[in-house]
Every structure is written in structure tokens, then in C-alpha cells.
Amino acid sequence: MIKTETELLEEIYNSVHEEMLRMEIATETLADVDDDKIIETVTRRSPLGTREEQLTKKDVIARYTEDISKREKVLKVIKQLLAEKA
């Protein structure tokens, strides 16, 4: 079955919204953790080799906040597209 553009936009909207909620929940679960505690270790790969980067609570929250902001913009665009289709 082929989905309509409206159905696809609604699915994308729901998916992006779910990602935002997950990031907000993750941010809230870190509320009682010290700001300088290492939360996550990320391995970055490049042609020059690999390096590990340790992310503190502040780093993780900053990254999630930025990602949430970007996703809010995506949701606005999807809402506009859905409004045009209606």
C-alpha cells in the first residue's frame, strides 16, 4: 500500500516528536547528577584515526537542548506542510 504524502508527514511528525520527548526525559533523569560527572564516552572516527571523547552531564544536556531546538524547527515545517495540504 502506498501512503499519501499527508500520512507520511504525520508519521515523520510523530517520530520527531517522540525523539524530542525521549531527549527531554533523558535530560530530566540527569537532574540529580553532578554537572561534571562523565555520562557518556563517544568514539569519533576519522581518516586520521579514532579518539574518545568523554561527555559530562553539561555536555550531554547542551547537545540534547540543541537537538531539541532543531527538531522543534522540523515540527514547525511539517505543520506548515500539513496545513497547506488541508
PDB file of N, CA and C in Angstrom:
ATOM      1  N   MET A   1       0.829  -1.176   0.000  1.00  0.00           N
ATOM      2  CA  MET A   1       0.000   0.000   0.000  1.00  0.00           C
ATOM      3  C   MET A   1       0.881   1.250   0.000  1.00  0.00           C
ATOM      4  N   ILE A   2       0.582   2.149  -0.873  1.00  0.00           N
ATOM      5  CA  ILE A   2       1.326   3.398  -0.957  1.00  0.00           C
ATOM      6  C   ILE A   2       0.657   4.419  -0.047  1.00  0.00           C
ATOM      7  N   LYS A   3       1.473   5.062   0.770  1.00  0.00           N
ATOM      8  CA  LYS A   3       0.936   6.058   1.694  1.00  0.00           C
ATOM      9  C   LYS A   3       0.883   7.415   1.011  1.00  0.00           C
ATOM     10  N   THR A   4      -0.077   8.195   1.435  1.00  0.00           N
ATOM     11  CA  THR A   4      -0.185   9.548   0.894  1.00  0.00           C
ATOM     12  C   THR A   4       0.875  10.427   1.543  1.00  0.00           C
ATOM     13  N   GLU A   5       1.104  11.566   0.933  1.00  0.00           N
ATOM     14  CA  GLU A   5       2.093  12.499   1.477  1.00  0.00           C
ATOM     15  C   GLU A   5       1.684  12.960   2.879  1.00  0.00           C
ATOM     16  N   THR A   6       0.403  13.164   3.072  1.00  0.00           N
ATOM     17  CA  THR A   6      -0.091  13.584   4.388  1.00  0.00           C
ATOM     18  C   THR A   6       0.185  12.515   5.441  1.00  0.00           C
ATOM     19  N   GLU A   7      -0.048  11.259   5.106  1.00  0.00           N
ATOM     20  CA  GLU A   7       0.222  10.169   6.048  1.00  0.00           C
ATOM     21  C   GLU A   7       1.708  10.092   6.391  1.00  0.00           C
ATOM     22  N   LEU A   8       2.548  10.265   5.388  1.00  0.00           N
ATOM     23  CA  LEU A   8       3.990  10.235   5.627  1.00  0.00           C
ATOM     24  C   LEU A   8       4.427  11.395   6.513  1.00  0.00           C
ATOM     25  N   LEU A   9       3.899  12.579   6.243  1.00  0.00           N
ATOM     26  CA  LEU A   9       4.238  13.742   7.064  1.00  0.00           C
ATOM     27  C   LEU A   9       3.797  13.533   8.512  1.00  0.00           C
ATOM     28  N   GLU A  10       2.627  12.948   8.699  1.00  0.00           N
ATOM     29  CA  GLU A  10       2.142  12.679  10.055  1.00  0.00           C
ATOM     30  C   GLU A  10       3.031  11.669  10.772  1.00  0.00           C
ATOM     31  N   GLU A  11       3.485  10.654  10.061  1.00  0.00           N
ATOM     32  CA  GLU A  11       4.385   9.662  10.660  1.00  0.00           C
ATOM     33  C   GLU A  11       5.719  10.291  11.041  1.00  0.00           C
ATOM     34  N   ILE A  12       6.257  11.117  10.149  1.00  0.00           N
ATOM     35  CA  ILE A  12       7.521  11.798  10.436  1.00  0.00           C
ATOM     36  C   ILE A  12       7.347  12.721  11.634  1.00  0.00           C
ATOM     37  N   TYR A  13       6.244  13.444  11.660  1.00  0.00           N
ATOM     38  CA  TYR A  13       5.955  14.344  12.778  1.00  0.00           C
ATOM     39  C   TYR A  13       5.953  13.565  14.091  1.00  0.00           C
ATOM     40  N   ASN A  14       5.236  12.444  14.116  1.00  0.00           N
ATOM     41  CA  ASN A  14       5.159  11.630  15.330  1.00  0.00           C
ATOM     42  C   ASN A  14       6.527  11.100  15.739  1.00  0.00           C
ATOM     43  N   SER A  15       7.316  10.690  14.776  1.00  0.00           N
ATOM     44  CA  SER A  15       8.648  10.156  15.051  1.00  0.00           C
ATOM     45  C   SER A  15       9.564  11.230  15.646  1.00  0.00           C
ATOM     46  N   VAL A  16       9.554  12.408  15.045  1.00  0.00           N
ATOM     47  CA  VAL A  16      10.391  13.510  15.536  1.00  0.00           C
ATOM     48  C   VAL A  16       9.923  13.933  16.927  1.00  0.00           C
ATOM     49  N   HIS A  17       8.625  13.991  17.112  1.00  0.00           N
ATOM     50  CA  HIS A  17       8.081  14.365  18.420  1.00  0.00           C
ATOM     51  C   HIS A  17       8.489  13.346  19.481  1.00  0.00           C
ATOM     52  N   GLU A  18       8.469  12.074  19.131  1.00  0.00           N
ATOM     53  CA  GLU A  18       8.884  11.021  20.059  1.00  0.00           C
ATOM     54  C   GLU A  18      10.359  11.177  20.436  1.00  0.00           C
ATOM     55  N   GLU A  19      11.203  11.493  19.455  1.00  0.00           N
ATOM     56  CA  GLU A  19      12.625  11.709  19.736  1.00  0.00           C
ATOM     57  C   GLU A  19      12.808  12.854  20.728  1.00  0.00           C
ATOM     58  N   MET A  20      12.055  13.934  20.518  1.00  0.00           N
ATOM     59  CA  MET A  20      12.144  15.077  21.428  1.00  0.00           C
ATOM     60  C   MET A  20      11.753  14.679  22.846  1.00  0.00           C
ATOM     61  N   LEU A  21      10.673  13.935  22.971  1.00  0.00           N
ATOM     62  CA  LEU A  21      10.226  13.503  24.296  1.00  0.00           C
ATOM     63  C   LEU A  21      11.275  12.629  24.975  1.00  0.00           C
ATOM     64  N   ARG A  22      11.899  11.752  24.214  1.00  0.00           N
ATOM     65  CA  ARG A  22      12.943  10.889  24.781  1.00  0.00           C
ATOM     66  C   ARG A  22      14.120  11.721  25.300  1.00  0.00           C
ATOM     67  N   MET A  23      14.512  12.740  24.533  1.00  0.00           N
ATOM     68  CA  MET A  23      15.615  13.600  24.967  1.00  0.00           C
ATOM     69  C   MET A  23      15.230  14.416  26.200  1.00  0.00           C
ATOM     70  N   GLU A  24      13.995  14.896  26.247  1.00  0.00           N
ATOM     71  CA  GLU A  24      13.536  15.643  27.419  1.00  0.00           C
ATOM     72  C   GLU A  24      13.510  14.751  28.653  1.00  0.00           C
ATOM     73  N   ILE A  25      13.073  13.509  28.488  1.00  0.00           N
ATOM     74  CA  ILE A  25      13.063  12.559  29.604  1.00  0.00           C
ATOM     75  C   ILE A  25      14.493  12.276  30.062  1.00  0.00           C
ATOM     76  N   ALA A  26      15.396  12.061  29.114  1.00  0.00           N
ATOM     77  CA  ALA A  26      16.798  11.798  29.460  1.00  0.00           C
ATOM     78  C   ALA A  26      17.397  12.977  30.218  1.00  0.00           C
ATOM     79  N   THR A  27      17.076  14.187  29.790  1.00  0.00           N
ATOM     80  CA  THR A  27      17.579  15.384  30.461  1.00  0.00           C
ATOM     81  C   THR A  27      17.056  15.448  31.893  1.00  0.00           C
ATOM     82  N   GLU A  28      15.783  15.157  32.076  1.00  0.00           N
ATOM     83  CA  GLU A  28      15.185  15.195  33.414  1.00  0.00           C
ATOM     84  C   GLU A  28      15.761  14.119  34.329  1.00  0.00           C
ATOM     85  N   THR A  29      16.112  12.967  33.775  1.00  0.00           N
ATOM     86  CA  THR A  29      16.665  11.901  34.620  1.00  0.00           C
ATOM     87  C   THR A  29      18.066  12.237  35.107  1.00  0.00           C
ATOM     88  N   LEU A  30      18.708  13.208  34.462  1.00  0.00           N
ATOM     89  CA  LEU A  30      20.048  13.625  34.878  1.00  0.00           C
ATOM     90  C   LEU A  30      20.012  14.758  35.903  1.00  0.00           C
ATOM     91  N   ALA A  31      18.839  15.158  36.334  1.00  0.00           N
ATOM     92  CA  ALA A  31      18.694  16.322  37.212  1.00  0.00           C
ATOM     93  C   ALA A  31      19.503  16.202  38.504  1.00  0.00           C
ATOM     94  N   ASP A  32      19.586  15.020  39.076  1.00  0.00           N
ATOM     95  CA  ASP A  32      20.280  14.862  40.356  1.00  0.00           C
ATOM     96  C   ASP A  32      21.732  14.398  40.209  1.00  0.00           C
ATOM     97  N   VAL A  33      22.270  14.434  38.994  1.00  0.00           N
ATOM     98  CA  VAL A  33      23.656  14.035  38.736  1.00  0.00           C
ATOM     99  C   VAL A  33      24.533  15.289  38.746  1.00  0.00           C
ATOM    100  N   ASP A  34      25.752  15.167  39.275  1.00  0.00           N
ATOM    101  CA  ASP A  34      26.684  16.299  39.284  1.00  0.00           C
ATOM    102  C   ASP A  34      26.986  16.755  37.864  1.00  0.00           C
ATOM    103  N   ASP A  35      27.155  18.080  37.693  1.00  0.00           N
ATOM    104  CA  ASP A  35      27.394  18.652  36.364  1.00  0.00           C
ATOM    105  C   ASP A  35      28.660  18.121  35.696  1.00  0.00           C
ATOM    106  N   ASP A  36      29.687  17.839  36.482  1.00  0.00           N
ATOM    107  CA  ASP A  36      30.964  17.425  35.897  1.00  0.00           C
ATOM    108  C   ASP A  36      31.142  15.910  35.824  1.00  0.00           C
ATOM    109  N   LYS A  37      30.118  15.166  36.171  1.00  0.00           N
ATOM    110  CA  LYS A  37      30.216  13.706  36.102  1.00  0.00           C
ATOM    111  C   LYS A  37      30.176  13.261  34.643  1.00  0.00           C
ATOM    112  N   ILE A  38      31.055  12.331  34.295  1.00  0.00           N
ATOM    113  CA  ILE A  38      31.104  11.811  32.929  1.00  0.00           C
ATOM    114  C   ILE A  38      29.922  10.866  32.736  1.00  0.00           C
ATOM    115  N   ILE A  39      29.112  11.186  31.739  1.00  0.00           N
ATOM    116  CA  ILE A  39      27.890  10.438  31.476  1.00  0.00           C
ATOM    117  C   ILE A  39      28.075   9.463  30.325  1.00  0.00           C
ATOM    118  N   GLU A  40      28.836   9.887  29.334  1.00  0.00           N
ATOM    119  CA  GLU A  40      28.897   9.129  28.086  1.00  0.00           C
ATOM    120  C   GLU A  40      30.300   9.243  27.493  1.00  0.00           C
ATOM    121  N   THR A  41      30.778   8.170  26.892  1.00  0.00           N
ATOM    122  CA  THR A  41      32.035   8.191  26.152  1.00  0.00           C
ATOM    123  C   THR A  41      31.715   7.918  24.694  1.00  0.00           C
ATOM    124  N   VAL A  42      32.134   8.850  23.841  1.00  0.00           N
ATOM    125  CA  VAL A  42      31.846   8.761  22.415  1.00  0.00           C
ATOM    126  C   VAL A  42      33.149   8.531  21.671  1.00  0.00           C
ATOM    127  N   THR A  43      33.150   7.589  20.740  1.00  0.00           N
ATOM    128  CA  THR A  43      34.322   7.339  19.911  1.00  0.00           C
ATOM    129  C   THR A  43      34.116   8.018  18.568  1.00  0.00           C
ATOM    130  N   ARG A  44      35.017   8.928  18.246  1.00  0.00           N
ATOM    131  CA  ARG A  44      34.952   9.647  16.971  1.00  0.00           C
ATOM    132  C   ARG A  44      35.965   9.022  16.017  1.00  0.00           C
ATOM    133  N   ARG A  45      35.508   8.678  14.831  1.00  0.00           N
ATOM    134  CA  ARG A  45      36.397   8.083  13.831  1.00  0.00           C
ATOM    135  C   ARG A  45      36.588   9.064  12.686  1.00  0.00           C
ATOM    136  N   SER A  46      37.817   9.122  12.203  1.00  0.00           N
ATOM    137  CA  SER A  46      38.125   9.957  11.045  1.00  0.00           C
ATOM    138  C   SER A  46      39.259   9.284  10.280  1.00  0.00           C
ATOM    139  N   PRO A  47      39.581   9.787   9.100  1.00  0.00           N
ATOM    140  CA  PRO A  47      40.701   9.205   8.355  1.00  0.00           C
ATOM    141  C   PRO A  47      42.028   9.292   9.118  1.00  0.00           C
ATOM    142  N   LEU A  48      42.101  10.212  10.064  1.00  0.00           N
ATOM    143  CA  LEU A  48      43.331  10.386  10.835  1.00  0.00           C
ATOM    144  C   LEU A  48      43.408   9.466  12.042  1.00  0.00           C
ATOM    145  N   GLY A  49      42.360   8.706  12.283  1.00  0.00           N
ATOM    146  CA  GLY A  49      42.350   7.786  13.411  1.00  0.00           C
ATOM    147  C   GLY A  49      41.102   7.963  14.253  1.00  0.00           C
ATOM    148  N   THR A  50      41.119   7.327  15.419  1.00  0.00           N
ATOM    149  CA  THR A  50      39.973   7.428  16.315  1.00  0.00           C
ATOM    150  C   THR A  50      40.397   8.124  17.595  1.00  0.00           C
ATOM    151  N   ARG A  51      39.419   8.753  18.214  1.00  0.00           N
ATOM    152  CA  ARG A  51      39.681   9.358  19.516  1.00  0.00           C
ATOM    153  C   ARG A  51      38.413   9.246  20.345  1.00  0.00           C
ATOM    154  N   GLU A  52      38.618   9.102  21.630  1.00  0.00           N
ATOM    155  CA  GLU A  52      37.479   9.011  22.531  1.00  0.00           C
ATOM    156  C   GLU A  52      37.240  10.366  23.166  1.00  0.00           C
ATOM    157  N   GLU A  53      35.983  10.709  23.264  1.00  0.00           N
ATOM    158  CA  GLU A  53      35.588  11.970  23.873  1.00  0.00           C
ATOM    159  C   GLU A  53      34.639  11.650  25.019  1.00  0.00           C
ATOM    160  N   GLN A  54      34.965  12.147  26.195  1.00  0.00           N
ATOM    161  CA  GLN A  54      34.112  11.898  27.353  1.00  0.00           C
ATOM    162  C   GLN A  54      33.187  13.092  27.546  1.00  0.00           C
ATOM    163  N   LEU A  55      31.897  12.814  27.615  1.00  0.00           N
ATOM    164  CA  LEU A  55      30.901  13.867  27.749  1.00  0.00           C
ATOM    165  C   LEU A  55      30.387  13.926  29.183  1.00  0.00           C
ATOM    166  N   THR A  56      30.407  15.123  29.753  1.00  0.00           N
ATOM    167  CA  THR A  56      29.872  15.323  31.090  1.00  0.00           C
ATOM    168  C   THR A  56      28.375  15.593  31.003  1.00  0.00           C
ATOM    169  N   LYS A  57      27.759  15.692  32.147  1.00  0.00           N
ATOM    170  CA  LYS A  57      26.322  15.990  32.185  1.00  0.00           C
ATOM    171  C   LYS A  57      26.037  17.285  31.434  1.00  0.00           C
ATOM    172  N   LYS A  58      26.873  18.314  31.656  1.00  0.00           N
ATOM    173  CA  LYS A  58      26.665  19.598  30.975  1.00  0.00           C
ATOM    174  C   LYS A  58      26.740  19.431  29.467  1.00  0.00           C
ATOM    175  N   ASP A  59      27.702  18.643  28.989  1.00  0.00           N
ATOM    176  CA  ASP A  59      27.853  18.410  27.549  1.00  0.00           C
ATOM    177  C   ASP A  59      26.632  17.701  26.971  1.00  0.00           C
ATOM    178  N   VAL A  60      26.168  16.679  27.666  1.00  0.00           N
ATOM    179  CA  VAL A  60      25.026  15.896  27.187  1.00  0.00           C
ATOM    180  C   VAL A  60      23.772  16.761  27.143  1.00  0.00           C
ATOM    181  N   ILE A  61      23.537  17.526  28.203  1.00  0.00           N
ATOM    182  CA  ILE A  61      22.352  18.386  28.239  1.00  0.00           C
ATOM    183  C   ILE A  61      22.431  19.459  27.163  1.00  0.00           C
ATOM    184  N   ALA A  62      23.616  20.028  26.945  1.00  0.00           N
ATOM    185  CA  ALA A  62      23.775  21.042  25.893  1.00  0.00           C
ATOM    186  C   ALA A  62      23.478  20.442  24.522  1.00  0.00           C
ATOM    187  N   ARG A  63      23.983  19.239  24.283  1.00  0.00           N
ATOM    188  CA  ARG A  63      23.742  18.577  22.995  1.00  0.00           C
ATOM    189  C   ARG A  63      22.256  18.265  22.807  1.00  0.00           C
ATOM    190  N   TYR A  64      21.626  17.740  23.848  1.00  0.00           N
ATOM    191  CA  TYR A  64      20.198  17.430  23.757  1.00  0.00           C
ATOM    192  C   TYR A  64      19.368  18.693  23.560  1.00  0.00           C
ATOM    193  N   THR A  65      19.719  19.763  24.252  1.00  0.00           N
ATOM    194  CA  THR A  65      18.989  21.024  24.110  1.00  0.00           C
ATOM    195  C   THR A  65      19.084  21.537  22.682  1.00  0.00           C
ATOM    196  N   GLU A  66      20.272  21.449  22.103  1.00  0.00           N
ATOM    197  CA  GLU A  66      20.461  21.870  20.710  1.00  0.00           C
ATOM    198  C   GLU A  66      19.658  20.975  19.760  1.00  0.00           C
ATOM    199  N   ASP A  67      19.696  19.675  20.001  1.00  0.00           N
ATOM    200  CA  ASP A  67      18.945  18.735  19.159  1.00  0.00           C
ATOM    201  C   ASP A  67      17.438  18.963  19.265  1.00  0.00           C
ATOM    202  N   ILE A  68      16.961  19.239  20.464  1.00  0.00           N
ATOM    203  CA  ILE A  68      15.531  19.511  20.658  1.00  0.00           C
ATOM    204  C   ILE A  68      15.134  20.760  19.888  1.00  0.00           C
ATOM    205  N   SER A  69      15.980  21.778  19.945  1.00  0.00           N
ATOM    206  CA  SER A  69      15.699  23.024  19.222  1.00  0.00           C
ATOM    207  C   SER A  69      15.601  22.779  17.717  1.00  0.00           C
ATOM    208  N   LYS A  70      16.507  21.981  17.191  1.00  0.00           N
ATOM    209  CA  LYS A  70      16.475  21.659  15.758  1.00  0.00           C
ATOM    210  C   LYS A  70      15.201  20.901  15.402  1.00  0.00           C
ATOM    211  N   ARG A  71      14.811  19.985  16.255  1.00  0.00           N
ATOM    212  CA  ARG A  71      13.610  19.195  15.987  1.00  0.00           C
ATOM    213  C   ARG A  71      12.338  20.035  16.088  1.00  0.00           C
ATOM    214  N   GLU A  72      12.350  21.040  16.958  1.00  0.00           N
ATOM    215  CA  GLU A  72      11.204  21.949  17.031  1.00  0.00           C
ATOM    216  C   GLU A  72      11.012  22.667  15.702  1.00  0.00           C
ATOM    217  N   LYS A  73      12.120  23.049  15.075  1.00  0.00           N
ATOM    218  CA  LYS A  73      12.042  23.700  13.761  1.00  0.00           C
ATOM    219  C   LYS A  73      11.468  22.738  12.720  1.00  0.00           C
ATOM    220  N   VAL A  74      11.888  21.485  12.786  1.00  0.00           N
ATOM    221  CA  VAL A  74      11.380  20.474  11.856  1.00  0.00           C
ATOM    222  C   VAL A  74       9.873  20.305  12.036  1.00  0.00           C
ATOM    223  N   LEU A  75       9.423  20.267  13.284  1.00  0.00           N
ATOM    224  CA  LEU A  75       7.992  20.114  13.543  1.00  0.00           C
ATOM    225  C   LEU A  75       7.198  21.290  12.985  1.00  0.00           C
ATOM    226  N   LYS A  76       7.753  22.506  13.092  1.00  0.00           N
ATOM    227  CA  LYS A  76       7.074  23.681  12.535  1.00  0.00           C
ATOM    228  C   LYS A  76       6.922  23.556  11.026  1.00  0.00           C
ATOM    229  N   VAL A  77       7.982  23.103  10.362  1.00  0.00           N
ATOM    230  CA  VAL A  77       7.933  22.939   8.907  1.00  0.00           C
ATOM    231  C   VAL A  77       6.887  21.892   8.530  1.00  0.00           C
ATOM    232  N   ILE A  78       6.874  20.784   9.255  1.00  0.00           N
ATOM    233  CA  ILE A  78       5.899  19.728   8.960  1.00  0.00           C
ATOM    234  C   ILE A  78       4.476  20.244   9.174  1.00  0.00           C
ATOM    235  N   LYS A  79       4.260  21.008  10.251  1.00  0.00           N
ATOM    236  CA  LYS A  79       2.929  21.579  10.495  1.00  0.00           C
ATOM    237  C   LYS A  79       2.505  22.482   9.340  1.00  0.00           C
ATOM    238  N   GLN A  80       3.450  23.285   8.842  1.00  0.00           N
ATOM    239  CA  GLN A  80       3.138  24.168   7.714  1.00  0.00           C
ATOM    240  C   GLN A  80       2.761  23.356   6.481  1.00  0.00           C
ATOM    241  N   LEU A  81       3.523  22.307   6.216  1.00  0.00           N
ATOM    242  CA  LEU A  81       3.227  21.462   5.059  1.00  0.00           C
ATOM    243  C   LEU A  81       1.866  20.784   5.203  1.00  0.00           C
ATOM    244  N   LEU A  82       1.558  20.330   6.404  1.00  0.00           N
ATOM    245  CA  LEU A  82       0.254  19.697   6.632  1.00  0.00           C
ATOM    246  C   LEU A  82      -0.883  20.706   6.479  1.00  0.00           C
ATOM    247  N   ALA A  83      -0.654  21.935   6.925  1.00  0.00           N
ATOM    248  CA  ALA A  83      -1.681  22.976   6.794  1.00  0.00           C
ATOM    249  C   ALA A  83      -1.933  23.303   5.324  1.00  0.00           C
ATOM    250  N   GLU A  84      -0.869  23.291   4.520  1.00  0.00           N
ATOM    251  CA  GLU A  84      -1.010  23.554   3.086  1.00  0.00           C
ATOM    252  C   GLU A  84      -1.797  22.435   2.399  1.00  0.00           C
ATOM    253  N   LYS A  85      -1.653  21.217   2.895  1.00  0.00           N
ATOM    254  CA  LYS A  85      -2.341  20.066   2.299  1.00  0.00           C
ATOM    255  C   LYS A  85      -3.827  20.052   2.648  1.00  0.00           C
ATOM    256  N   ALA A  86      -4.163  20.680   3.771  1.00  0.00           N
ATOM    257  CA  ALA A  86      -5.564  20.651   4.239  1.00  0.00           C
ATOM    258  C   ALA A  86      -6.456  21.582   3.453  1.00  0.00           C
TER     259      ALA A  86
END
